C-alpha atoms as a PDB file:
ATOM      1  CA  UNK A   1      95.885-222.389  63.138  1.00  0.00           C
ATOM      2  CA  UNK A   2      94.952-224.640  60.245  1.00  0.00           C
ATOM      3  CA  UNK A   3      94.288-223.214  56.771  1.00  0.00           C
ATOM      4  CA  UNK A   4      93.992-224.873  53.356  1.00  0.00           C
ATOM      5  CA  UNK A   5      95.160-228.211  54.763  1.00  0.00           C
ATOM      6  CA  UNK A   6      98.305-226.783  56.397  1.00  0.00           C
ATOM      7  CA  UNK A   7      99.277-225.628  59.854  1.00  0.00           C
ATOM      8  CA  UNK A   8     100.215-221.978  60.119  1.00  0.00           C
ATOM      9  CA  UNK A   9     102.441-220.796  62.974  1.00  0.00           C
ATOM     10  CA  UNK A  10     100.654-217.928  64.694  1.00  0.00           C
ATOM     11  CA  UNK A  11     102.709-217.798  67.867  1.00  0.00           C
ATOM     12  CA  UNK A  12     105.832-219.603  69.035  1.00  0.00           C
ATOM     13  CA  UNK A  13     107.078-220.152  72.588  1.00  0.00           C
ATOM     14  CA  UNK A  14     110.621-221.131  73.486  1.00  0.00           C
ATOM     15  CA  UNK A  15     112.046-221.828  76.920  1.00  0.00           C
ATOM     16  CA  UNK A  16     114.470-224.012  78.755  1.00  0.00           C
ATOM     17  CA  UNK A  17     113.612-226.248  81.624  1.00  0.00           C
ATOM     18  CA  UNK A  18     115.911-228.158  83.894  1.00  0.00           C
ATOM     19  CA  UNK A  19     116.537-229.681  87.260  1.00  0.00           C
ATOM     20  CA  UNK A  20     119.301-230.694  89.583  1.00  0.00           C
ATOM     21  CA  UNK A  21     118.913-234.228  90.911  1.00  0.00           C
ATOM     22  CA  UNK A  22     120.893-235.258  93.978  1.00  0.00           C
ATOM     23  CA  UNK A  23     121.522-238.909  94.826  1.00  0.00           C
ATOM     24  CA  UNK A  24     123.339-240.025  97.965  1.00  0.00           C
ATOM     25  CA  UNK A  25     124.686-243.556  97.767  1.00  0.00           C
ATOM     26  CA  UNK A  26     126.846-244.831 100.613  1.00  0.00           C
ATOM     27  CA  UNK A  27     130.205-246.144  99.438  1.00  0.00           C
ATOM     28  CA  UNK A  28     129.499-249.657 100.766  1.00  0.00           C
ATOM     29  CA  UNK A  29     126.323-249.768  98.636  1.00  0.00           C
ATOM     30  CA  UNK A  30     127.879-248.613  95.344  1.00  0.00           C
ATOM     31  CA  UNK A  31     128.495-252.091  93.907  1.00  0.00           C
ATOM     32  CA  UNK A  32     124.900-253.136  94.566  1.00  0.00           C
ATOM     33  CA  UNK A  33     123.605-249.820  93.252  1.00  0.00           C
ATOM     34  CA  UNK A  34     125.492-250.100  89.953  1.00  0.00           C
ATOM     35  CA  UNK A  35     124.549-253.762  89.528  1.00  0.00           C
ATOM     36  CA  UNK A  36     120.853-252.871  89.898  1.00  0.00           C
ATOM     37  CA  UNK A  37     121.126-249.567  87.977  1.00  0.00           C
ATOM     38  CA  UNK A  38     123.726-250.308  85.250  1.00  0.00           C
ATOM     39  CA  UNK A  39     122.722-247.229  83.209  1.00  0.00           C
ATOM     40  CA  UNK A  40     123.077-244.802  86.131  1.00  0.00           C
ATOM     41  CA  UNK A  41     126.232-243.226  84.703  1.00  0.00           C
ATOM     42  CA  UNK A  42     124.931-243.112  81.109  1.00  0.00           C
ATOM     43  CA  UNK A  43     121.693-241.216  81.529  1.00  0.00           C
ATOM     44  CA  UNK A  44     120.031-238.458  83.455  1.00  0.00           C
ATOM     45  CA  UNK A  45     117.934-239.282  86.471  1.00  0.00           C
ATOM     46  CA  UNK A  46     114.963-240.433  84.376  1.00  0.00           C
ATOM     47  CA  UNK A  47     115.579-244.162  84.423  1.00  0.00           C
ATOM     48  CA  UNK A  48     116.471-244.144  88.083  1.00  0.00           C
ATOM     49  CA  UNK A  49     113.403-242.123  89.030  1.00  0.00           C
ATOM     50  CA  UNK A  50     111.108-244.444  87.078  1.00  0.00           C
ATOM     51  CA  UNK A  51     112.569-247.629  88.551  1.00  0.00           C
ATOM     52  CA  UNK A  52     112.272-248.565  92.188  1.00  0.00           C
ATOM     53  CA  UNK A  53     115.778-249.314  93.475  1.00  0.00           C
ATOM     54  CA  UNK A  54     117.374-245.948  92.745  1.00  0.00           C
ATOM     55  CA  UNK A  55     114.592-244.043  94.501  1.00  0.00           C
ATOM     56  CA  UNK A  56     115.941-245.022  97.909  1.00  0.00           C
ATOM     57  CA  UNK A  57     119.002-242.851  97.205  1.00  0.00           C
ATOM     58  CA  UNK A  58     117.147-239.824  95.832  1.00  0.00           C
ATOM     59  CA  UNK A  59     117.810-236.913  98.170  1.00  0.00           C
ATOM     60  CA  UNK A  60     116.276-234.053  96.182  1.00  0.00           C
ATOM     61  CA  UNK A  61     114.996-232.754  92.878  1.00  0.00           C
ATOM     62  CA  UNK A  62     115.379-229.015  92.495  1.00  0.00           C
ATOM     63  CA  UNK A  63     113.567-227.710  89.427  1.00  0.00           C
ATOM     64  CA  UNK A  64     111.239-229.418  86.994  1.00  0.00           C
ATOM     65  CA  UNK A  65     110.580-233.068  87.884  1.00  0.00           C
ATOM     66  CA  UNK A  66     109.086-233.615  84.428  1.00  0.00           C
ATOM     67  CA  UNK A  67     112.235-232.235  82.788  1.00  0.00           C
ATOM     68  CA  UNK A  68     114.194-234.991  84.512  1.00  0.00           C
ATOM     69  CA  UNK A  69     111.901-237.568  82.915  1.00  0.00           C
ATOM     70  CA  UNK A  70     112.167-236.007  79.467  1.00  0.00           C
ATOM     71  CA  UNK A  71     109.223-233.824  78.493  1.00  0.00           C
ATOM     72  CA  UNK A  72     108.490-230.929  80.856  1.00  0.00           C
ATOM     73  CA  UNK A  73     104.712-231.424  80.750  1.00  0.00           C
ATOM     74  CA  UNK A  74     103.834-228.684  83.223  1.00  0.00           C
ATOM     75  CA  UNK A  75     105.705-226.094  81.174  1.00  0.00           C
ATOM     76  CA  UNK A  76     104.298-227.333  77.841  1.00  0.00           C
ATOM     77  CA  UNK A  77     100.705-227.309  79.106  1.00  0.00           C
ATOM     78  CA  UNK A  78     101.176-223.849  80.637  1.00  0.00           C
ATOM     79  CA  UNK A  79     102.514-222.490  77.341  1.00  0.00           C
ATOM     80  CA  UNK A  80      99.639-224.047  75.380  1.00  0.00           C
ATOM     81  CA  UNK A  81      97.102-222.501  77.768  1.00  0.00           C
ATOM     82  CA  UNK A  82      98.753-219.064  77.376  1.00  0.00           C
ATOM     83  CA  UNK A  83      98.409-219.469  73.619  1.00  0.00           C
ATOM     84  CA  UNK A  84      94.717-220.453  74.016  1.00  0.00           C
ATOM     85  CA  UNK A  85      95.453-223.769  72.306  1.00  0.00           C
END
């Protein structure tokens, strides 16, 4: 809530959210894959899921798709609704 110009914490929610992302790239396509997706080994699946080339190798996402991209929107919105925010 908001009182005297300050936010007051009435309720707090904490949780973890995650996903397992599986990519299957044939060995003969690895050089092309890494040339088109140079950050593939540096980041989670987010950049690859947002760009087009890496999607052709995406086999599955098990868990929260939004968590792969960064902010687990579904979980955040659900928590806010529970809190009547």
